[in-house]
Amino acid sequence: MTGGDLPIREAPAAVGGGTLDGDRDAARVAGVVLAAGTSSRYGERNKLLDATADGDPLVRAATRTLVEAGVDPVVVVVGHEADRVAAAVEDLPVAVVENEAFADGQSTSVRAGIEAVAAHDPPVDAAVVALGDMPFVAADTVRALVAAHAAAVGDALAPAYEGRRGNPVLFDRRFFEALTDVDGDVGGRAILLGSDDAALVAVDDPGVGRDVDERTDL
């Protein structure tokens, strides 16, 4: 997937001399891990648990990235084999939310995760939405998105590696209501691509484009 018509910005330190917006510098950014899917293309077993990255199940590796990046709170949305997926992250400092409607598409998991972080006290100002089958994203990439939001680069931000759009995606709080209204299996992609205040942040991280759909992806 390419960047499309979204502008690609340099890392925040190179934007505006690295000056952060005064209000956003102290913003609280949450994390949402979408981990409710059925792994239908992977085979009979649940790829989030069966496949590993650096010795950890995919879902744990993807969740650990957000934890290490320092976003807080982190919410993991489970659905298919909910108990087993929850057990894979139970000792991490995260909250688990069950999406009973997971079979209706990724949008239902986005809704469950965003509703959970939107209700958090103290309130959060933005959320990074990550995929449970993308364990190779670097924590520094998540930090770059958070810093870009603080530097007012955009209100909807995705990383770009060699000009190609990847995941995860950061959404400012102003998009939370729209994110809970999305339908089907598209997540927040339409909101990212349709926003007048969206941008890509250039990163040196091939992991932003590496998901695991089939065994050969490992």
C-alpha atoms as a PDB file:
ATOM      1  CA  MET A   1       0.000   0.000   0.000  1.00  0.00           C
ATOM      2  CA  THR A   2       1.377   3.396  -0.970  1.00  0.00           C
ATOM      3  CA  GLY A   3       1.025   6.745   0.713  1.00  0.00           C
ATOM      4  CA  GLY A   4      -1.595   7.816  -1.798  1.00  0.00           C
ATOM      5  CA  ASP A   5      -2.270  11.549  -1.665  1.00  0.00           C
ATOM      6  CA  LEU A   6      -1.191  11.967   1.956  1.00  0.00           C
ATOM      7  CA  PRO A   7       1.831  14.216   2.501  1.00  0.00           C
ATOM      8  CA  ILE A   8       4.932  12.567   3.908  1.00  0.00           C
ATOM      9  CA  ARG A   9       6.602  14.529   6.702  1.00  0.00           C
ATOM     10  CA  GLU A  10      10.034  14.116   8.184  1.00  0.00           C
ATOM     11  CA  ALA A  11      10.522  12.881  11.737  1.00  0.00           C
ATOM     12  CA  PRO A  12       9.291  15.438  14.314  1.00  0.00           C
ATOM     13  CA  ALA A  13      12.781  16.663  15.211  1.00  0.00           C
ATOM     14  CA  ALA A  14      13.036  18.017  11.657  1.00  0.00           C
ATOM     15  CA  VAL A  15       9.591  19.606  11.624  1.00  0.00           C
ATOM     16  CA  GLY A  16       9.518  23.288  12.511  1.00  0.00           C
ATOM     17  CA  GLY A  17      12.911  22.977  14.149  1.00  0.00           C
ATOM     18  CA  GLY A  18      11.524  20.395  16.530  1.00  0.00           C
ATOM     19  CA  THR A  19       9.287  22.873  18.375  1.00  0.00           C
ATOM     20  CA  LEU A  20       6.351  21.123  19.989  1.00  0.00           C
ATOM     21  CA  ASP A  21       2.883  22.609  20.343  1.00  0.00           C
ATOM     22  CA  GLY A  22       2.542  23.782  23.942  1.00  0.00           C
ATOM     23  CA  ASP A  23      -0.797  22.075  24.567  1.00  0.00           C
ATOM     24  CA  ARG A  24       0.061  18.837  22.822  1.00  0.00           C
ATOM     25  CA  ASP A  25       3.479  18.378  24.419  1.00  0.00           C
ATOM     26  CA  ALA A  26       1.741  17.058  27.539  1.00  0.00           C
ATOM     27  CA  ALA A  27      -0.947  15.100  25.676  1.00  0.00           C
ATOM     28  CA  ARG A  28      -1.904  11.646  26.947  1.00  0.00           C
ATOM     29  CA  VAL A  29      -1.826   9.078  24.151  1.00  0.00           C
ATOM     30  CA  ALA A  30      -3.426   5.651  24.536  1.00  0.00           C
ATOM     31  CA  GLY A  31      -2.798   2.439  22.633  1.00  0.00           C
ATOM     32  CA  VAL A  32      -5.290  -0.021  21.150  1.00  0.00           C
ATOM     33  CA  VAL A  33      -4.272  -3.486  19.915  1.00  0.00           C
ATOM     34  CA  LEU A  34      -6.760  -5.183  17.590  1.00  0.00           C
ATOM     35  CA  ALA A  35      -6.515  -8.895  18.412  1.00  0.00           C
ATOM     36  CA  ALA A  36     -10.007 -10.303  17.907  1.00  0.00           C
ATOM     37  CA  GLY A  37      -9.799 -11.826  14.415  1.00  0.00           C
ATOM     38  CA  THR A  38     -10.182 -15.449  13.362  1.00  0.00           C
ATOM     39  CA  SER A  39      -6.896 -15.790  11.410  1.00  0.00           C
ATOM     40  CA  SER A  40      -8.817 -17.441   8.568  1.00  0.00           C
ATOM     41  CA  ARG A  41      -6.012 -17.114   6.003  1.00  0.00           C
ATOM     42  CA  TYR A  42      -3.412 -18.518   8.374  1.00  0.00           C
ATOM     43  CA  GLY A  43      -5.034 -21.918   8.775  1.00  0.00           C
ATOM     44  CA  GLU A  44      -6.859 -23.805  11.497  1.00  0.00           C
ATOM     45  CA  ARG A  45      -4.758 -22.417  14.348  1.00  0.00           C
ATOM     46  CA  ASN A  46      -4.875 -18.902  15.751  1.00  0.00           C
ATOM     47  CA  LYS A  47      -1.902 -17.060  14.254  1.00  0.00           C
ATOM     48  CA  LEU A  48      -1.814 -14.571  17.132  1.00  0.00           C
ATOM     49  CA  LEU A  49      -0.898 -17.447  19.434  1.00  0.00           C
ATOM     50  CA  ASP A  50       0.599 -20.084  17.123  1.00  0.00           C
ATOM     51  CA  ALA A  51       3.104 -17.840  15.320  1.00  0.00           C
ATOM     52  CA  THR A  52       5.935 -16.197  17.220  1.00  0.00           C
ATOM     53  CA  ALA A  53       8.258 -13.203  16.906  1.00  0.00           C
ATOM     54  CA  ASP A  54      11.409 -13.116  19.039  1.00  0.00           C
ATOM     55  CA  GLY A  55      10.056 -16.078  20.970  1.00  0.00           C
ATOM     56  CA  ASP A  56       6.721 -14.448  21.867  1.00  0.00           C
ATOM     57  CA  PRO A  57       3.263 -15.032  20.376  1.00  0.00           C
ATOM     58  CA  LEU A  58       2.447 -12.371  17.780  1.00  0.00           C
ATOM     59  CA  VAL A  59      -0.169 -10.682  19.938  1.00  0.00           C
ATOM     60  CA  ARG A  60       2.204 -10.391  22.877  1.00  0.00           C
ATOM     61  CA  ALA A  61       4.993  -8.978  20.709  1.00  0.00           C
ATOM     62  CA  ALA A  62       2.656  -6.405  19.135  1.00  0.00           C
ATOM     63  CA  THR A  63       1.286  -5.415  22.540  1.00  0.00           C
ATOM     64  CA  ARG A  64       4.731  -5.162  24.083  1.00  0.00           C
ATOM     65  CA  THR A  65       5.692  -2.634  21.393  1.00  0.00           C
ATOM     66  CA  LEU A  66       3.013  -0.213  22.603  1.00  0.00           C
ATOM     67  CA  VAL A  67       3.942  -0.776  26.239  1.00  0.00           C
ATOM     68  CA  GLU A  68       7.629  -0.141  25.521  1.00  0.00           C
ATOM     69  CA  ALA A  69       6.727   2.982  23.536  1.00  0.00           C
ATOM     70  CA  GLY A  70       5.191   4.459  26.674  1.00  0.00           C
ATOM     71  CA  VAL A  71       1.603   5.003  25.518  1.00  0.00           C
ATOM     72  CA  ASP A  72      -0.874   4.674  28.361  1.00  0.00           C
ATOM     73  CA  PRO A  73      -3.364   3.155  28.813  1.00  0.00           C
ATOM     74  CA  VAL A  74      -3.000   0.183  26.434  1.00  0.00           C
ATOM     75  CA  VAL A  75      -6.179  -1.733  25.586  1.00  0.00           C
ATOM     76  CA  VAL A  76      -6.124  -5.143  23.877  1.00  0.00           C
ATOM     77  CA  VAL A  77      -9.340  -6.040  22.063  1.00  0.00           C
ATOM     78  CA  VAL A  78      -9.990  -9.786  21.993  1.00  0.00           C
ATOM     79  CA  GLY A  79     -12.741 -11.850  20.393  1.00  0.00           C
ATOM     80  CA  HIS A  80     -11.879 -15.167  18.711  1.00  0.00           C
ATOM     81  CA  GLU A  81     -10.449 -17.475  21.419  1.00  0.00           C
ATOM     82  CA  ALA A  82     -10.734 -14.521  23.767  1.00  0.00           C
ATOM     83  CA  ASP A  83      -9.516 -16.314  26.898  1.00  0.00           C
ATOM     84  CA  ARG A  84      -6.389 -17.693  25.228  1.00  0.00           C
ATOM     85  CA  VAL A  85      -5.455 -14.360  23.640  1.00  0.00           C
ATOM     86  CA  ALA A  86      -6.041 -12.546  26.919  1.00  0.00           C
ATOM     87  CA  ALA A  87      -3.812 -15.060  28.704  1.00  0.00           C
ATOM     88  CA  ALA A  88      -0.950 -14.255  26.309  1.00  0.00           C
ATOM     89  CA  VAL A  89      -0.835 -10.653  27.564  1.00  0.00           C
ATOM     90  CA  GLU A  90      -2.093 -11.078  31.120  1.00  0.00           C
ATOM     91  CA  ASP A  91       1.184 -10.106  32.808  1.00  0.00           C
ATOM     92  CA  LEU A  92       1.628  -6.948  30.754  1.00  0.00           C
ATOM     93  CA  PRO A  93       0.300  -3.593  32.059  1.00  0.00           C
ATOM     94  CA  VAL A  94      -2.723  -3.572  29.759  1.00  0.00           C
ATOM     95  CA  ALA A  95      -6.503  -3.768  29.927  1.00  0.00           C
ATOM     96  CA  VAL A  96      -8.371  -6.424  27.954  1.00  0.00           C
ATOM     97  CA  VAL A  97     -11.716  -5.680  26.302  1.00  0.00           C
ATOM     98  CA  GLU A  98     -13.810  -8.416  24.714  1.00  0.00           C
ATOM     99  CA  ASN A  99     -15.537  -7.767  21.389  1.00  0.00           C
ATOM    100  CA  GLU A 100     -18.353 -10.272  21.081  1.00  0.00           C
ATOM    101  CA  ALA A 101     -19.205  -8.977  17.594  1.00  0.00           C
ATOM    102  CA  PHE A 102     -15.709  -9.659  16.187  1.00  0.00           C
ATOM    103  CA  ALA A 103     -17.113 -11.774  13.329  1.00  0.00           C
ATOM    104  CA  ASP A 104     -18.708  -8.631  11.869  1.00  0.00           C
ATOM    105  CA  GLY A 105     -15.346  -7.151  10.901  1.00  0.00           C
ATOM    106  CA  GLN A 106     -12.406  -5.145  12.167  1.00  0.00           C
ATOM    107  CA  SER A 107     -14.528  -2.030  12.625  1.00  0.00           C
ATOM    108  CA  THR A 108     -16.243  -3.654  15.606  1.00  0.00           C
ATOM    109  CA  SER A 109     -12.887  -4.096  17.321  1.00  0.00           C
ATOM    110  CA  VAL A 110     -11.914  -0.506  16.545  1.00  0.00           C
ATOM    111  CA  ARG A 111     -15.202   0.570  18.111  1.00  0.00           C
ATOM    112  CA  ALA A 112     -14.630  -1.515  21.240  1.00  0.00           C
ATOM    113  CA  GLY A 113     -11.071  -0.269  21.691  1.00  0.00           C
ATOM    114  CA  ILE A 114     -11.834   3.394  21.073  1.00  0.00           C
ATOM    115  CA  GLU A 115     -14.849   3.324  23.371  1.00  0.00           C
ATOM    116  CA  ALA A 116     -12.632   1.895  26.104  1.00  0.00           C
ATOM    117  CA  VAL A 117      -9.904   4.537  25.800  1.00  0.00           C
ATOM    118  CA  ALA A 118     -12.426   7.363  25.307  1.00  0.00           C
ATOM    119  CA  ALA A 119     -13.946   6.486  28.679  1.00  0.00           C
ATOM    120  CA  HIS A 120     -10.584   6.450  30.439  1.00  0.00           C
ATOM    121  CA  ASP A 121     -10.021   8.735  33.424  1.00  0.00           C
ATOM    122  CA  PRO A 122      -7.969  10.870  33.133  1.00  0.00           C
ATOM    123  CA  PRO A 123      -9.056  11.533  29.542  1.00  0.00           C
ATOM    124  CA  VAL A 124      -6.754  10.677  26.651  1.00  0.00           C
ATOM    125  CA  ASP A 125      -6.007  13.072  23.807  1.00  0.00           C
ATOM    126  CA  ALA A 126      -5.208  10.553  21.071  1.00  0.00           C
ATOM    127  CA  ALA A 127      -4.911   6.820  20.448  1.00  0.00           C
ATOM    128  CA  VAL A 128      -2.476   4.669  18.485  1.00  0.00           C
ATOM    129  CA  VAL A 129      -4.386   1.793  16.859  1.00  0.00           C
ATOM    130  CA  ALA A 130      -2.135  -1.204  16.203  1.00  0.00           C
ATOM    131  CA  LEU A 131      -2.731  -4.636  14.694  1.00  0.00           C
ATOM    132  CA  GLY A 132      -2.107  -7.780  16.702  1.00  0.00           C
ATOM    133  CA  ASP A 133      -0.602  -9.532  13.677  1.00  0.00           C
ATOM    134  CA  MET A 134       2.103  -6.879  13.124  1.00  0.00           C
ATOM    135  CA  PRO A 135       4.781  -7.780  15.687  1.00  0.00           C
ATOM    136  CA  PHE A 136       7.756  -6.237  13.881  1.00  0.00           C
ATOM    137  CA  VAL A 137       6.888  -2.561  14.403  1.00  0.00           C
ATOM    138  CA  ALA A 138       9.563  -0.770  16.433  1.00  0.00           C
ATOM    139  CA  ALA A 139       8.663   1.072  19.624  1.00  0.00           C
ATOM    140  CA  ASP A 140      10.533   4.076  18.217  1.00  0.00           C
ATOM    141  CA  THR A 141       8.008   4.225  15.374  1.00  0.00           C
ATOM    142  CA  VAL A 142       5.158   4.568  17.865  1.00  0.00           C
ATOM    143  CA  ARG A 143       7.129   7.259  19.686  1.00  0.00           C
ATOM    144  CA  ALA A 144       7.631   9.061  16.355  1.00  0.00           C
ATOM    145  CA  LEU A 145       3.871   9.158  15.774  1.00  0.00           C
ATOM    146  CA  VAL A 146       3.281  10.479  19.282  1.00  0.00           C
ATOM    147  CA  ALA A 147       5.962  13.134  18.810  1.00  0.00           C
ATOM    148  CA  ALA A 148       4.504  14.095  15.432  1.00  0.00           C
ATOM    149  CA  HIS A 149       1.098  14.573  17.030  1.00  0.00           C
ATOM    150  CA  ALA A 150       2.706  16.720  19.724  1.00  0.00           C
ATOM    151  CA  ALA A 151       4.421  18.778  17.031  1.00  0.00           C
ATOM    152  CA  ALA A 152       1.036  19.358  15.317  1.00  0.00           C
ATOM    153  CA  VAL A 153       2.100  17.499  12.165  1.00  0.00           C
ATOM    154  CA  GLY A 154      -1.440  16.152  11.868  1.00  0.00           C
ATOM    155  CA  ASP A 155      -4.455  14.783  13.704  1.00  0.00           C
ATOM    156  CA  ALA A 156      -4.419  11.445  11.868  1.00  0.00           C
ATOM    157  CA  LEU A 157      -0.949   9.998  11.372  1.00  0.00           C
ATOM    158  CA  ALA A 158       0.511   6.802   9.927  1.00  0.00           C
ATOM    159  CA  PRO A 159       4.142   5.774   9.428  1.00  0.00           C
ATOM    160  CA  ALA A 160       5.690   5.542   5.974  1.00  0.00           C
ATOM    161  CA  TYR A 161       8.674   3.370   5.096  1.00  0.00           C
ATOM    162  CA  GLU A 162      10.279   4.125   1.730  1.00  0.00           C
ATOM    163  CA  GLY A 163       7.188   6.111   0.769  1.00  0.00           C
ATOM    164  CA  ARG A 164       4.704   3.346   1.551  1.00  0.00           C
ATOM    165  CA  ARG A 165       1.986   3.792   4.145  1.00  0.00           C
ATOM    166  CA  GLY A 166       1.995   1.348   7.045  1.00  0.00           C
ATOM    167  CA  ASN A 167       0.630   0.745  10.529  1.00  0.00           C
ATOM    168  CA  PRO A 168      -0.055   1.596  13.323  1.00  0.00           C
ATOM    169  CA  VAL A 169      -2.190   4.734  12.979  1.00  0.00           C
ATOM    170  CA  LEU A 170      -2.569   7.558  15.484  1.00  0.00           C
ATOM    171  CA  PHE A 171      -5.924   9.321  15.722  1.00  0.00           C
ATOM    172  CA  ASP A 172      -6.550  12.514  17.650  1.00  0.00           C
ATOM    173  CA  ARG A 173      -9.466  12.438  20.068  1.00  0.00           C
ATOM    174  CA  ARG A 174     -11.570  14.496  17.674  1.00  0.00           C
ATOM    175  CA  PHE A 175     -11.885  11.368  15.507  1.00  0.00           C
ATOM    176  CA  PHE A 176     -13.050   9.071  18.311  1.00  0.00           C
ATOM    177  CA  GLU A 177     -16.759   9.497  17.577  1.00  0.00           C
ATOM    178  CA  ALA A 178     -16.235   8.835  13.877  1.00  0.00           C
ATOM    179  CA  LEU A 179     -14.143   5.753  14.654  1.00  0.00           C
ATOM    180  CA  THR A 180     -16.972   4.246  16.682  1.00  0.00           C
ATOM    181  CA  ASP A 181     -19.286   4.685  13.683  1.00  0.00           C
ATOM    182  CA  VAL A 182     -17.200   2.821  11.077  1.00  0.00           C
ATOM    183  CA  ASP A 183     -18.603  -0.379   9.587  1.00  0.00           C
ATOM    184  CA  GLY A 184     -17.281  -3.562   8.021  1.00  0.00           C
ATOM    185  CA  ASP A 185     -13.695  -4.712   7.837  1.00  0.00           C
ATOM    186  CA  VAL A 186     -11.885  -1.461   7.049  1.00  0.00           C
ATOM    187  CA  GLY A 187     -11.003  -0.179  10.512  1.00  0.00           C
ATOM    188  CA  GLY A 188     -10.085   3.506  10.469  1.00  0.00           C
ATOM    189  CA  ARG A 189      -8.477   3.587   7.021  1.00  0.00           C
ATOM    190  CA  ALA A 190     -11.267   5.661   5.450  1.00  0.00           C
ATOM    191  CA  ILE A 191     -10.951   8.267   8.185  1.00  0.00           C
ATOM    192  CA  LEU A 192      -7.189   8.476   7.745  1.00  0.00           C
ATOM    193  CA  LEU A 193      -7.369   8.810   3.968  1.00  0.00           C
ATOM    194  CA  GLY A 194     -10.339  11.173   4.058  1.00  0.00           C
ATOM    195  CA  SER A 195      -9.051  13.629   6.646  1.00  0.00           C
ATOM    196  CA  ASP A 196      -7.834  17.071   5.647  1.00  0.00           C
ATOM    197  CA  ASP A 197      -5.397  16.950   8.558  1.00  0.00           C
ATOM    198  CA  ALA A 198      -3.787  13.564   7.907  1.00  0.00           C
ATOM    199  CA  ALA A 199      -0.132  12.910   7.130  1.00  0.00           C
ATOM    200  CA  LEU A 200       2.479  10.188   6.962  1.00  0.00           C
ATOM    201  CA  VAL A 201       5.566  10.261   9.148  1.00  0.00           C
ATOM    202  CA  ALA A 202       8.740   8.972   7.507  1.00  0.00           C
ATOM    203  CA  VAL A 203      10.354   6.194   9.555  1.00  0.00           C
ATOM    204  CA  ASP A 204      13.236   3.788   9.023  1.00  0.00           C
ATOM    205  CA  ASP A 205      11.193   0.768  10.047  1.00  0.00           C
ATOM    206  CA  PRO A 206      10.224  -1.958   7.538  1.00  0.00           C
ATOM    207  CA  GLY A 207       8.090  -3.523  10.277  1.00  0.00           C
ATOM    208  CA  VAL A 208       5.309  -1.014   9.581  1.00  0.00           C
ATOM    209  CA  GLY A 209       4.489  -2.939   6.416  1.00  0.00           C
ATOM    210  CA  ARG A 210       4.934  -6.493   7.677  1.00  0.00           C
ATOM    211  CA  ASP A 211       1.835  -8.298   8.829  1.00  0.00           C
ATOM    212  CA  VAL A 212       1.390 -12.049   9.236  1.00  0.00           C
ATOM    213  CA  ASP A 213      -1.550 -13.425   7.266  1.00  0.00           C
ATOM    214  CA  GLU A 214      -0.040 -16.743   6.205  1.00  0.00           C
ATOM    215  CA  ARG A 215       2.699 -19.006   7.545  1.00  0.00           C
ATOM    216  CA  THR A 216       4.989 -17.953   4.708  1.00  0.00           C
ATOM    217  CA  ASP A 217       4.911 -14.354   6.017  1.00  0.00           C
ATOM    218  CA  LEU A 218       7.207 -15.508   8.820  1.00  0.00           C
END
